[in-house]
Protein backbone atom coordinates (compact mmCIF):
# COMPACT_ATOMS: atom_id res chain seq x y z
CA MET A 1 76.84 105.45 93.82
CA ARG A 2 78.03 108.11 91.57
CA LYS A 3 81.29 109.83 92.03
CA ALA A 4 81.63 113.48 92.85
CA ARG A 5 82.60 115.88 89.98
CA VAL A 6 86.17 116.50 90.67
CA PRO A 7 87.42 120.23 89.93
CA LYS A 8 90.30 120.30 87.28
CA ASN A 9 92.85 121.71 89.75
CA LEU A 10 92.34 118.68 91.78
CA LYS A 11 92.89 116.15 89.00
CA ASP A 12 95.97 117.68 87.53
CA ASN A 13 97.80 118.89 90.56
CA ASN A 14 99.88 116.60 92.93
CA ILE A 15 100.59 119.64 95.11
CA ASN A 16 96.99 119.35 96.55
CA ARG A 17 98.04 116.19 98.70
CA THR A 18 97.42 116.28 102.60
CA ILE A 19 97.64 114.12 105.57
CA ILE A 20 94.66 112.07 106.29
CA ASP A 21 93.13 110.66 109.49
CA ARG A 22 93.76 106.99 108.69
CA LEU A 23 91.89 105.85 111.91
CA LYS A 24 88.68 107.87 110.87
CA ILE A 25 88.82 106.54 107.43
CA LYS A 26 88.85 102.89 108.82
CA LYS A 27 85.87 103.61 111.22
CA LEU A 28 83.88 105.46 108.73
CA ARG A 29 84.20 102.44 106.16
CA GLU A 30 83.38 100.15 108.60
CA GLU A 31 80.29 102.29 109.59
CA TYR A 32 79.26 102.44 106.07
CA GLY A 33 79.57 98.57 105.68
CA LEU A 34 82.12 98.80 102.88
CA SER A 35 84.98 96.59 102.39
CA GLN A 36 88.35 98.00 101.44
CA GLN A 37 88.03 96.77 97.79
CA GLN A 38 84.29 98.46 97.51
CA LEU A 39 85.80 101.70 98.98
CA ALA A 40 88.84 101.47 96.86
CA GLU A 41 86.44 101.24 93.66
CA LEU A 42 84.17 103.91 94.82
CA ILE A 43 86.96 106.67 95.13
CA GLY A 44 88.94 105.60 92.04
CA TYR A 45 91.54 103.21 93.03
CA ALA A 46 91.73 99.78 91.49
CA HIS A 47 92.96 97.62 94.48
CA LYS A 48 91.96 97.37 98.17
CA TYR A 49 95.65 97.67 98.91
CA SER A 50 95.69 101.45 98.54
CA ILE A 51 92.94 101.55 101.29
CA SER A 52 94.84 99.05 103.47
CA ALA A 53 97.77 101.29 103.08
CA ILE A 54 95.89 104.31 104.11
CA GLU A 55 94.43 102.64 107.08
CA THR A 56 97.71 101.21 108.37
CA GLY A 57 99.64 104.41 107.94
CA VAL A 58 101.83 103.09 105.18
CA THR A 59 100.25 105.85 102.92
CA LYS A 60 99.95 109.11 104.64
CA ASN A 61 98.97 111.31 101.71
CA ILE A 62 96.01 111.19 99.21
CA PRO A 63 95.54 113.10 96.00
CA GLY A 64 92.94 115.64 96.21
CA ASP A 65 90.50 113.81 93.87
CA LYS A 66 90.50 110.66 96.00
CA LEU A 67 90.11 112.91 99.04
CA LEU A 68 86.96 114.48 97.38
CA ASN A 69 85.60 111.24 96.32
CA MET A 70 86.02 109.83 99.94
CA ALA A 71 84.13 112.72 101.56
CA TYR A 72 81.49 112.20 98.99
CA VAL A 73 81.19 108.69 99.87
CA PHE A 74 81.22 109.25 103.58
CA GLU A 75 79.04 112.38 103.22
CA CYS A 76 81.27 114.73 104.93
CA LYS A 77 83.65 117.60 104.15
CA MET A 78 87.14 117.10 102.97
CA LYS A 79 88.47 118.80 106.01
CA ASP A 80 86.93 116.16 108.18
CA LEU A 81 89.16 113.49 106.70
CA LEU A 82 92.47 115.38 107.57
CA ILE A 83 94.76 115.64 110.52
CA ILE A 84 96.89 118.40 109.14
CA GLY A 85 97.63 120.05 105.80
CA LYS A 86 96.47 122.84 103.37
CA LEU A 87 93.60 122.44 101.23
CA PRO A 88 93.36 124.16 97.81
CA ASP A 89 91.03 126.95 97.30
CA LEU A 90 87.87 125.08 96.77
CA GLU A 91 85.12 127.61 97.55
CA GLY A 92 81.91 125.94 97.30
CA VAL A 93 83.29 122.41 97.02
CA ILE A 94 83.88 121.44 100.64
CA GLU A 95 81.50 123.95 102.46
């Protein structure tokens, strides 16, 4: 599976972090039949521990480029993976 094209403002800017819905991430990962390691590699992490930390609530924030890749993998909008937080202006990317 190819990765989504990540806008430059998401790659270079750590202020674009948001609080994600950890239970939804786990549910979607299981529905798609992905292991934590597989999802980690698809969205740009090297180890499954990053996904484990997200799903257990140890990590509550995720960089914008990882969130975009996760939305691409799960075929949903970025905002569908969030609990609260502001998204950067991404007209056309999350619609």
